[in-house]
PDB file of N, CA and C in Angstrom:
ATOM      1  N   MET A   1     112.267  58.201  97.793  1.00  0.00           N
ATOM      2  CA  MET A   1     111.624  59.084  96.842  1.00  0.00           C
ATOM      3  C   MET A   1     112.402  60.392  96.710  1.00  0.00           C
ATOM      4  N   GLN A   2     112.477  60.878  95.507  1.00  0.00           N
ATOM      5  CA  GLN A   2     113.165  62.142  95.268  1.00  0.00           C
ATOM      6  C   GLN A   2     112.168  63.190  94.781  1.00  0.00           C
ATOM      7  N   GLN A   3     112.484  64.430  95.022  1.00  0.00           N
ATOM      8  CA  GLN A   3     111.630  65.512  94.551  1.00  0.00           C
ATOM      9  C   GLN A   3     112.328  66.256  93.446  1.00  0.00           C
ATOM     10  N   LYS A   4     111.569  66.630  92.421  1.00  0.00           N
ATOM     11  CA  LYS A   4     112.116  67.426  91.337  1.00  0.00           C
ATOM     12  C   LYS A   4     111.870  68.898  91.623  1.00  0.00           C
ATOM     13  N   LYS A   5     112.281  69.717  90.661  1.00  0.00           N
ATOM     14  CA  LYS A   5     112.162  71.162  90.787  1.00  0.00           C
ATOM     15  C   LYS A   5     110.727  71.595  91.115  1.00  0.00           C
ATOM     16  N   TYR A   6     110.605  72.674  91.863  1.00  0.00           N
ATOM     17  CA  TYR A   6     109.296  73.161  92.269  1.00  0.00           C
ATOM     18  C   TYR A   6     108.787  74.233  91.296  1.00  0.00           C
ATOM     19  N   ILE A   7     107.503  74.466  91.364  1.00  0.00           N
ATOM     20  CA  ILE A   7     106.844  75.482  90.533  1.00  0.00           C
ATOM     21  C   ILE A   7     106.186  76.497  91.452  1.00  0.00           C
ATOM     22  N   ARG A   8     106.452  77.781  91.174  1.00  0.00           N
ATOM     23  CA  ARG A   8     105.791  78.856  91.921  1.00  0.00           C
ATOM     24  C   ARG A   8     104.740  79.471  91.004  1.00  0.00           C
ATOM     25  N   SER A   9     103.589  79.766  91.559  1.00  0.00           N
ATOM     26  CA  SER A   9     102.561  80.394  90.733  1.00  0.00           C
ATOM     27  C   SER A   9     101.610  81.219  91.588  1.00  0.00           C
ATOM     28  N   LYS A  10     101.016  82.201  90.924  1.00  0.00           N
ATOM     29  CA  LYS A  10      99.981  83.006  91.553  1.00  0.00           C
ATOM     30  C   LYS A  10      98.661  82.499  90.993  1.00  0.00           C
ATOM     31  N   GLU A  11      97.764  82.124  91.871  1.00  0.00           N
ATOM     32  CA  GLU A  11      96.503  81.539  91.439  1.00  0.00           C
ATOM     33  C   GLU A  11      95.337  82.377  91.943  1.00  0.00           C
ATOM     34  N   ILE A  12      94.372  82.606  91.069  1.00  0.00           N
ATOM     35  CA  ILE A  12      93.169  83.341  91.459  1.00  0.00           C
ATOM     36  C   ILE A  12      92.018  82.344  91.465  1.00  0.00           C
ATOM     37  N   ILE A  13      91.321  82.286  92.594  1.00  0.00           N
ATOM     38  CA  ILE A  13      90.222  81.343  92.760  1.00  0.00           C
ATOM     39  C   ILE A  13      88.960  82.139  93.074  1.00  0.00           C
ATOM     40  N   ASN A  14      87.898  81.867  92.343  1.00  0.00           N
ATOM     41  CA  ASN A  14      86.612  82.532  92.569  1.00  0.00           C
ATOM     42  C   ASN A  14      85.710  81.620  93.389  1.00  0.00           C
ATOM     43  N   ILE A  15      85.273  82.151  94.539  1.00  0.00           N
ATOM     44  CA  ILE A  15      84.374  81.413  95.421  1.00  0.00           C
ATOM     45  C   ILE A  15      83.240  82.350  95.823  1.00  0.00           C
ATOM     46  N   ASN A  16      82.023  81.952  95.556  1.00  0.00           N
ATOM     47  CA  ASN A  16      80.844  82.745  95.929  1.00  0.00           C
ATOM     48  C   ASN A  16      80.959  84.205  95.502  1.00  0.00           C
ATOM     49  N   LYS A  17      81.286  84.432  94.245  1.00  0.00           N
ATOM     50  CA  LYS A  17      81.389  85.773  93.648  1.00  0.00           C
ATOM     51  C   LYS A  17      82.530  86.614  94.229  1.00  0.00           C
ATOM     52  N   HIS A  18      83.438  86.010  94.957  1.00  0.00           N
ATOM     53  CA  HIS A  18      84.614  86.704  95.494  1.00  0.00           C
ATOM     54  C   HIS A  18      85.875  86.069  94.910  1.00  0.00           C
ATOM     55  N   SER A  19      86.840  86.918  94.581  1.00  0.00           N
ATOM     56  CA  SER A  19      88.117  86.416  94.068  1.00  0.00           C
ATOM     57  C   SER A  19      89.147  86.388  95.191  1.00  0.00           C
ATOM     58  N   TYR A  20      89.865  85.306  95.275  1.00  0.00           N
ATOM     59  CA  TYR A  20      90.943  85.151  96.248  1.00  0.00           C
ATOM     60  C   TYR A  20      92.231  84.871  95.485  1.00  0.00           C
ATOM     61  N   THR A  21      93.304  85.479  95.929  1.00  0.00           N
ATOM     62  CA  THR A  21      94.596  85.282  95.277  1.00  0.00           C
ATOM     63  C   THR A  21      95.498  84.483  96.214  1.00  0.00           C
ATOM     64  N   PHE A  22      96.110  83.458  95.648  1.00  0.00           N
ATOM     65  CA  PHE A  22      97.002  82.602  96.427  1.00  0.00           C
ATOM     66  C   PHE A  22      98.376  82.545  95.764  1.00  0.00           C
ATOM     67  N   TRP A  23      99.402  82.534  96.562  1.00  0.00           N
ATOM     68  CA  TRP A  23     100.763  82.296  96.114  1.00  0.00           C
ATOM     69  C   TRP A  23     101.033  80.830  96.433  1.00  0.00           C
ATOM     70  N   SER A  24     101.306  80.039  95.408  1.00  0.00           N
ATOM     71  CA  SER A  24     101.452  78.592  95.591  1.00  0.00           C
ATOM     72  C   SER A  24     102.826  78.109  95.165  1.00  0.00           C
ATOM     73  N   ILE A  25     103.302  77.114  95.878  1.00  0.00           N
ATOM     74  CA  ILE A  25     104.540  76.425  95.516  1.00  0.00           C
ATOM     75  C   ILE A  25     104.212  74.939  95.489  1.00  0.00           C
ATOM     76  N   LYS A  26     104.502  74.316  94.349  1.00  0.00           N
ATOM     77  CA  LYS A  26     104.188  72.894  94.177  1.00  0.00           C
ATOM     78  C   LYS A  26     105.431  72.161  93.676  1.00  0.00           C
ATOM     79  N   SER A  27     105.529  70.914  94.097  1.00  0.00           N
ATOM     80  CA  SER A  27     106.664  70.105  93.680  1.00  0.00           C
ATOM     81  C   SER A  27     106.180  68.669  93.466  1.00  0.00           C
ATOM     82  N   PRO A  28     106.594  68.061  92.360  1.00  0.00           N
ATOM     83  CA  PRO A  28     106.185  66.668  92.135  1.00  0.00           C
ATOM     84  C   PRO A  28     106.939  65.715  93.072  1.00  0.00           C
ATOM     85  N   ILE A  29     106.263  64.669  93.428  1.00  0.00           N
ATOM     86  CA  ILE A  29     106.897  63.601  94.207  1.00  0.00           C
ATOM     87  C   ILE A  29     107.172  62.463  93.228  1.00  0.00           C
ATOM     88  N   CYS A  30     108.434  62.072  93.151  1.00  0.00           N
ATOM     89  CA  CYS A  30     108.835  61.065  92.160  1.00  0.00           C
ATOM     90  C   CYS A  30     109.476  59.853  92.828  1.00  0.00           C
ATOM     91  N   THR A  31     109.357  58.746  92.167  1.00  0.00           N
ATOM     92  CA  THR A  31     110.048  57.535  92.622  1.00  0.00           C
ATOM     93  C   THR A  31     111.518  57.654  92.218  1.00  0.00           C
ATOM     94  N   ASP A  32     112.329  56.702  92.648  1.00  0.00           N
ATOM     95  CA  ASP A  32     113.757  56.726  92.313  1.00  0.00           C
ATOM     96  C   ASP A  32     114.018  56.673  90.813  1.00  0.00           C
ATOM     97  N   ASN A  33     113.101  56.060  90.051  1.00  0.00           N
ATOM     98  CA  ASN A  33     113.307  55.994  88.603  1.00  0.00           C
ATOM     99  C   ASN A  33     112.650  57.175  87.875  1.00  0.00           C
ATOM    100  N   GLY A  34     112.145  58.173  88.622  1.00  0.00           N
ATOM    101  CA  GLY A  34     111.637  59.403  88.015  1.00  0.00           C
ATOM    102  C   GLY A  34     110.154  59.433  87.744  1.00  0.00           C
ATOM    103  N   GLU A  35     109.441  58.390  88.103  1.00  0.00           N
ATOM    104  CA  GLU A  35     107.998  58.352  87.876  1.00  0.00           C
ATOM    105  C   GLU A  35     107.304  59.264  88.894  1.00  0.00           C
ATOM    106  N   VAL A  36     106.437  60.123  88.397  1.00  0.00           N
ATOM    107  CA  VAL A  36     105.704  61.041  89.281  1.00  0.00           C
ATOM    108  C   VAL A  36     104.574  60.265  89.946  1.00  0.00           C
ATOM    109  N   THR A  37     104.576  60.315  91.269  1.00  0.00           N
ATOM    110  CA  THR A  37     103.536  59.597  92.024  1.00  0.00           C
ATOM    111  C   THR A  37     102.578  60.552  92.732  1.00  0.00           C
ATOM    112  N   GLY A  38     102.911  61.820  92.737  1.00  0.00           N
ATOM    113  CA  GLY A  38     102.034  62.784  93.401  1.00  0.00           C
ATOM    114  C   GLY A  38     102.622  64.179  93.355  1.00  0.00           C
ATOM    115  N   VAL A  39     101.920  65.058  93.986  1.00  0.00           N
ATOM    116  CA  VAL A  39     102.375  66.446  94.058  1.00  0.00           C
ATOM    117  C   VAL A  39     102.208  66.918  95.494  1.00  0.00           C
ATOM    118  N   VAL A  40     103.185  67.649  95.968  1.00  0.00           N
ATOM    119  CA  VAL A  40     103.101  68.254  97.286  1.00  0.00           C
ATOM    120  C   VAL A  40     103.201  69.764  97.101  1.00  0.00           C
ATOM    121  N   GLY A  41     102.453  70.506  97.909  1.00  0.00           N
ATOM    122  CA  GLY A  41     102.511  71.959  97.749  1.00  0.00           C
ATOM    123  C   GLY A  41     101.918  72.690  98.922  1.00  0.00           C
ATOM    124  N   ILE A  42     102.077  73.966  98.858  1.00  0.00           N
ATOM    125  CA  ILE A  42     101.523  74.842  99.890  1.00  0.00           C
ATOM    126  C   ILE A  42     101.059  76.123  99.208  1.00  0.00           C
ATOM    127  N   SER A  43      99.942  76.650  99.695  1.00  0.00           N
ATOM    128  CA  SER A  43      99.402  77.893  99.145  1.00  0.00           C
ATOM    129  C   SER A  43      99.139  78.853 100.285  1.00  0.00           C
ATOM    130  N   THR A  44      99.420  80.125 100.028  1.00  0.00           N
ATOM    131  CA  THR A  44      99.190  81.168 101.023  1.00  0.00           C
ATOM    132  C   THR A  44      98.244  82.210 100.437  1.00  0.00           C
ATOM    133  N   ASP A  45      97.217  82.558 101.173  1.00  0.00           N
ATOM    134  CA  ASP A  45      96.257  83.561 100.726  1.00  0.00           C
ATOM    135  C   ASP A  45      96.908  84.946 100.800  1.00  0.00           C
ATOM    136  N   ILE A  46      97.072  85.580  99.638  1.00  0.00           N
ATOM    137  CA  ILE A  46      97.688  86.915  99.592  1.00  0.00           C
ATOM    138  C   ILE A  46      96.693  87.964  99.090  1.00  0.00           C
ATOM    139  N   THR A  47      95.403  87.670  99.205  1.00  0.00           N
ATOM    140  CA  THR A  47      94.364  88.576  98.720  1.00  0.00           C
ATOM    141  C   THR A  47      94.483  89.952  99.368  1.00  0.00           C
ATOM    142  N   GLU A  48      94.539  89.999 100.681  1.00  0.00           N
ATOM    143  CA  GLU A  48      94.614  91.285 101.390  1.00  0.00           C
ATOM    144  C   GLU A  48      95.919  92.013 101.093  1.00  0.00           C
ATOM    145  N   LEU A  49      97.005  91.260 100.976  1.00  0.00           N
ATOM    146  CA  LEU A  49      98.296  91.848 100.635  1.00  0.00           C
ATOM    147  C   LEU A  49      98.218  92.545  99.283  1.00  0.00           C
ATOM    148  N   GLU A  50      97.625  91.881  98.313  1.00  0.00           N
ATOM    149  CA  GLU A  50      97.499  92.475  96.976  1.00  0.00           C
ATOM    150  C   GLU A  50      96.613  93.711  96.994  1.00  0.00           C
ATOM    151  N   LYS A  51      95.509  93.672  97.747  1.00  0.00           N
ATOM    152  CA  LYS A  51      94.633  94.842  97.860  1.00  0.00           C
ATOM    153  C   LYS A  51      95.379  96.010  98.490  1.00  0.00           C
ATOM    154  N   THR A  52      96.136  95.721  99.535  1.00  0.00           N
ATOM    155  CA  THR A  52      96.894  96.761 100.234  1.00  0.00           C
ATOM    156  C   THR A  52      97.972  97.345  99.329  1.00  0.00           C
ATOM    157  N   GLN A  53      98.663  96.501  98.575  1.00  0.00           N
ATOM    158  CA  GLN A  53      99.688  96.984  97.652  1.00  0.00           C
ATOM    159  C   GLN A  53      99.074  97.869  96.571  1.00  0.00           C
ATOM    160  N   LYS A  54      97.894  97.500  96.091  1.00  0.00           N
ATOM    161  CA  LYS A  54      97.201  98.296  95.073  1.00  0.00           C
ATOM    162  C   LYS A  54      96.830  99.671  95.634  1.00  0.00           C
ATOM    163  N   LYS A  55      96.310  99.694  96.874  1.00  0.00           N
ATOM    164  CA  LYS A  55      95.962 100.964  97.519  1.00  0.00           C
ATOM    165  C   LYS A  55      97.204 101.822  97.722  1.00  0.00           C
ATOM    166  N   LEU A  56      98.288 101.199  98.152  1.00  0.00           N
ATOM    167  CA  LEU A  56      99.538 101.920  98.382  1.00  0.00           C
ATOM    168  C   LEU A  56     100.062 102.536  97.094  1.00  0.00           C
ATOM    169  N   LYS A  57      99.976 101.788  96.011  1.00  0.00           N
ATOM    170  CA  LYS A  57     100.411 102.288  94.709  1.00  0.00           C
ATOM    171  C   LYS A  57      99.581 103.499  94.291  1.00  0.00           C
ATOM    172  N   GLN A  58      98.259 103.429  94.513  1.00  0.00           N
ATOM    173  CA  GLN A  58      97.376 104.542  94.164  1.00  0.00           C
ATOM    174  C   GLN A  58      97.678 105.755  95.038  1.00  0.00           C
ATOM    175  N   LEU A  59      97.917 105.535  96.320  1.00  0.00           N
ATOM    176  CA  LEU A  59      98.268 106.642  97.220  1.00  0.00           C
ATOM    177  C   LEU A  59      99.569 107.302  96.788  1.00  0.00           C
ATOM    178  N   SER A  60     100.539 106.505  96.396  1.00  0.00           N
ATOM    179  CA  SER A  60     101.818 107.040  95.929  1.00  0.00           C
ATOM    180  C   SER A  60     101.621 107.903  94.687  1.00  0.00           C
ATOM    181  N   LYS A  61     100.785 107.430  93.751  1.00  0.00           N
ATOM    182  CA  LYS A  61     100.494 108.205  92.545  1.00  0.00           C
ATOM    183  C   LYS A  61      99.832 109.537  92.906  1.00  0.00           C
ATOM    184  N   ASN A  62      98.890 109.482  93.864  1.00  0.00           N
ATOM    185  CA  ASN A  62      98.209 110.711  94.287  1.00  0.00           C
ATOM    186  C   ASN A  62      99.172 111.695  94.936  1.00  0.00           C
ATOM    187  N   ILE A  63     100.092 111.194  95.746  1.00  0.00           N
ATOM    188  CA  ILE A  63     101.079 112.063  96.402  1.00  0.00           C
ATOM    189  C   ILE A  63     101.944 112.744  95.352  1.00  0.00           C
ATOM    190  N   ILE A  64     102.425 111.985  94.383  1.00  0.00           N
ATOM    191  CA  ILE A  64     103.276 112.549  93.328  1.00  0.00           C
ATOM    192  C   ILE A  64     102.501 113.591  92.528  1.00  0.00           C
ATOM    193  N   LYS A  65     101.254 113.276  92.191  1.00  0.00           N
ATOM    194  CA  LYS A  65     100.418 114.213  91.435  1.00  0.00           C
ATOM    195  C   LYS A  65     100.224 115.515  92.218  1.00  0.00           C
ATOM    196  N   ASN A  66      99.915 115.394  93.508  1.00  0.00           N
ATOM    197  CA  ASN A  66      99.713 116.583  94.344  1.00  0.00           C
ATOM    198  C   ASN A  66     101.005 117.384  94.521  1.00  0.00           C
ATOM    199  N   GLN A  67     102.136 116.700  94.610  1.00  0.00           N
ATOM    200  CA  GLN A  67     103.421 117.403  94.697  1.00  0.00           C
ATOM    201  C   GLN A  67     103.681 118.197  93.429  1.00  0.00           C
ATOM    202  N   GLU A  68     103.380 117.613  92.274  1.00  0.00           N
ATOM    203  CA  GLU A  68     103.586 118.318  91.006  1.00  0.00           C
ATOM    204  C   GLU A  68     102.678 119.544  90.912  1.00  0.00           C
ATOM    205  N   ILE A  69     101.434 119.407  91.352  1.00  0.00           N
ATOM    206  CA  ILE A  69     100.500 120.543  91.353  1.00  0.00           C
ATOM    207  C   ILE A  69     101.020 121.645  92.268  1.00  0.00           C
ATOM    208  N   GLU A  70     101.487 121.268  93.457  1.00  0.00           N
ATOM    209  CA  GLU A  70     101.999 122.248  94.420  1.00  0.00           C
ATOM    210  C   GLU A  70     103.254 122.943  93.890  1.00  0.00           C
ATOM    211  N   ARG A  71     104.141 122.189  93.264  1.00  0.00           N
ATOM    212  CA  ARG A  71     105.353 122.783  92.672  1.00  0.00           C
ATOM    213  C   ARG A  71     104.987 123.804  91.601  1.00  0.00           C
ATOM    214  N   ALA A  72     103.998 123.462  90.780  1.00  0.00           N
ATOM    215  CA  ALA A  72     103.566 124.381  89.722  1.00  0.00           C
ATOM    216  C   ALA A  72     102.993 125.660  90.328  1.00  0.00           C
ATOM    217  N   LYS A  73     102.211 125.540  91.400  1.00  0.00           N
ATOM    218  CA  LYS A  73     101.652 126.725  92.073  1.00  0.00           C
ATOM    219  C   LYS A  73     102.765 127.604  92.638  1.00  0.00           C
ATOM    220  N   ILE A  74     103.726 126.975  93.300  1.00  0.00           N
ATOM    221  CA  ILE A  74     104.842 127.729  93.900  1.00  0.00           C
ATOM    222  C   ILE A  74     105.653 128.412  92.813  1.00  0.00           C
ATOM    223  N   ALA A  75     105.921 127.695  91.718  1.00  0.00           N
ATOM    224  CA  ALA A  75     106.690 128.278  90.610  1.00  0.00           C
ATOM    225  C   ALA A  75     105.958 129.489  90.031  1.00  0.00           C
ATOM    226  N   LYS A  76     104.652 129.398  89.882  1.00  0.00           N
ATOM    227  CA  LYS A  76     103.871 130.508  89.349  1.00  0.00           C
ATOM    228  C   LYS A  76     103.914 131.700  90.303  1.00  0.00           C
ATOM    229  N   GLU A  77     103.744 131.433  91.604  1.00  0.00           N
ATOM    230  CA  GLU A  77     103.794 132.512  92.601  1.00  0.00           C
ATOM    231  C   GLU A  77     105.157 133.202  92.584  1.00  0.00           C
ATOM    232  N   LEU A  78     106.235 132.402  92.544  1.00  0.00           N
ATOM    233  CA  LEU A  78     107.581 132.975  92.506  1.00  0.00           C
ATOM    234  C   LEU A  78     107.789 133.805  91.237  1.00  0.00           C
ATOM    235  N   HIS A  79     107.327 133.297  90.120  1.00  0.00           N
ATOM    236  CA  HIS A  79     107.460 133.998  88.848  1.00  0.00           C
ATOM    237  C   HIS A  79     106.725 135.336  88.903  1.00  0.00           C
ATOM    238  N   ASP A  80     105.493 135.317  89.388  1.00  0.00           N
ATOM    239  CA  ASP A  80     104.704 136.548  89.477  1.00  0.00           C
ATOM    240  C   ASP A  80     105.346 137.554  90.438  1.00  0.00           C
ATOM    241  N   GLU A  81     105.783 137.065  91.585  1.00  0.00           N
ATOM    242  CA  GLU A  81     106.386 137.951  92.595  1.00  0.00           C
ATOM    243  C   GLU A  81     107.689 138.559  92.084  1.00  0.00           C
ATOM    244  N   LEU A  82     108.538 137.735  91.479  1.00  0.00           N
ATOM    245  CA  LEU A  82     109.799 138.248  90.939  1.00  0.00           C
ATOM    246  C   LEU A  82     109.543 139.238  89.803  1.00  0.00           C
ATOM    247  N   GLY A  83     108.533 138.962  88.981  1.00  0.00           N
ATOM    248  CA  GLY A  83     108.175 139.888  87.909  1.00  0.00           C
ATOM    249  C   GLY A  83     107.774 141.242  88.456  1.00  0.00           C
ATOM    250  N   GLN A  84     107.003 141.251  89.521  1.00  0.00           N
ATOM    251  CA  GLN A  84     106.586 142.508  90.151  1.00  0.00           C
ATOM    252  C   GLN A  84     107.791 143.256  90.720  1.00  0.00           C
ATOM    253  N   ILE A  85     108.659 142.537  91.401  1.00  0.00           N
ATOM    254  CA  ILE A  85     109.840 143.166  92.002  1.00  0.00           C
ATOM    255  C   ILE A  85     110.731 143.765  90.918  1.00  0.00           C
ATOM    256  N   LEU A  86     110.951 143.019  89.830  1.00  0.00           N
ATOM    257  CA  LEU A  86     111.797 143.519  88.748  1.00  0.00           C
ATOM    258  C   LEU A  86     111.175 144.746  88.072  1.00  0.00           C
ATOM    259  N   THR A  87     109.863 144.734  87.939  1.00  0.00           N
ATOM    260  CA  THR A  87     109.184 145.896  87.353  1.00  0.00           C
ATOM    261  C   THR A  87     109.376 147.131  88.224  1.00  0.00           C
ATOM    262  N   VAL A  88     109.201 146.966  89.533  1.00  0.00           N
ATOM    263  CA  VAL A  88     109.399 148.096  90.461  1.00  0.00           C
ATOM    264  C   VAL A  88     110.848 148.567  90.422  1.00  0.00           C
ATOM    265  N   LEU A  89     111.806 147.632  90.404  1.00  0.00           N
ATOM    266  CA  LEU A  89     113.222 148.019  90.344  1.00  0.00           C
ATOM    267  C   LEU A  89     113.534 148.769  89.052  1.00  0.00           C
ATOM    268  N   ASN A  90     112.947 148.316  87.953  1.00  0.00           N
ATOM    269  CA  ASN A  90     113.154 148.981  86.670  1.00  0.00           C
ATOM    270  C   ASN A  90     112.587 150.402  86.718  1.00  0.00           C
ATOM    271  N   MET A  91     111.412 150.555  87.288  1.00  0.00           N
ATOM    272  CA  MET A  91     110.805 151.894  87.411  1.00  0.00           C
ATOM    273  C   MET A  91     111.668 152.789  88.300  1.00  0.00           C
ATOM    274  N   ASP A  92     112.150 152.228  89.417  1.00  0.00           N
ATOM    275  CA  ASP A  92     113.011 153.003  90.315  1.00  0.00           C
ATOM    276  C   ASP A  92     114.309 153.412  89.616  1.00  0.00           C
ATOM    277  N   ALA A  93     114.870 152.506  88.814  1.00  0.00           N
ATOM    278  CA  ALA A  93     116.115 152.819  88.098  1.00  0.00           C
ATOM    279  C   ALA A  93     115.877 153.949  87.104  1.00  0.00           C
ATOM    280  N   HIS A  94     114.777 153.940  86.384  1.00  0.00           N
ATOM    281  CA  HIS A  94     114.455 155.018  85.447  1.00  0.00           C
ATOM    282  C   HIS A  94     114.238 156.339  86.188  1.00  0.00           C
ATOM    283  N   TRP A  95     113.546 156.283  87.308  1.00  0.00           N
ATOM    284  CA  TRP A  95     113.297 157.497  88.111  1.00  0.00           C
ATOM    285  C   TRP A  95     114.624 158.067  88.599  1.00  0.00           C
ATOM    286  N   LEU A  96     115.496 157.159  89.098  1.00  0.00           N
ATOM    287  CA  LEU A  96     116.794 157.600  89.602  1.00  0.00           C
ATOM    288  C   LEU A  96     117.647 158.208  88.475  1.00  0.00           C
ATOM    289  N   GLU A  97     117.595 157.586  87.307  1.00  0.00           N
ATOM    290  CA  GLU A  97     118.350 158.069  86.155  1.00  0.00           C
ATOM    291  C   GLU A  97     117.903 159.485  85.806  1.00  0.00           C
ATOM    292  N   LYS A  98     116.607 159.721  85.799  1.00  0.00           N
ATOM    293  CA  LYS A  98     116.078 161.054  85.502  1.00  0.00           C
ATOM    294  C   LYS A  98     116.511 162.053  86.569  1.00  0.00           C
ATOM    295  N   LYS A  99     116.473 161.663  87.824  1.00  0.00           N
ATOM    296  CA  LYS A  99     116.869 162.551  88.940  1.00  0.00           C
ATOM    297  C   LYS A  99     118.342 162.927  88.839  1.00  0.00           C
ATOM    298  N   LEU A 100     119.137 161.938  88.492  1.00  0.00           N
ATOM    299  CA  LEU A 100     120.591 162.202  88.435  1.00  0.00           C
ATOM    300  C   LEU A 100     120.970 163.075  87.246  1.00  0.00           C
ATOM    301  N   LYS A 101     120.195 163.057  86.158  1.00  0.00           N
ATOM    302  CA  LYS A 101     120.481 163.882  85.007  1.00  0.00           C
ATOM    303  C   LYS A 101     120.131 165.353  85.273  1.00  0.00           C
ATOM    304  N   LYS A 102     119.282 165.636  86.207  1.00  0.00           N
ATOM    305  CA  LYS A 102     118.899 167.027  86.508  1.00  0.00           C
ATOM    306  C   LYS A 102     119.946 167.777  87.238  1.00  0.00           C
TER     307      LYS A 102
END
């Protein structure tokens, strides 16, 4: 007996109001003249893996969002602080200019 090409698929099965996800690989069993006499396969439950990957993806999105918020806060603080420093320097320069002209 010879085996032909295999098929990989993700299958969702609902049992008692719960969904389970399986990664399956199936291959037909054929006679020497190519007649299919059966199918052989294996399935692995990847339900928890998929849930964990989904949580990880959401956590990654939250981290990126929080980093962007923090960067914006820091940029605003730096902008405000530099603005204050430049204003004081400008005032000092004008004061010094007046002093030197006297």
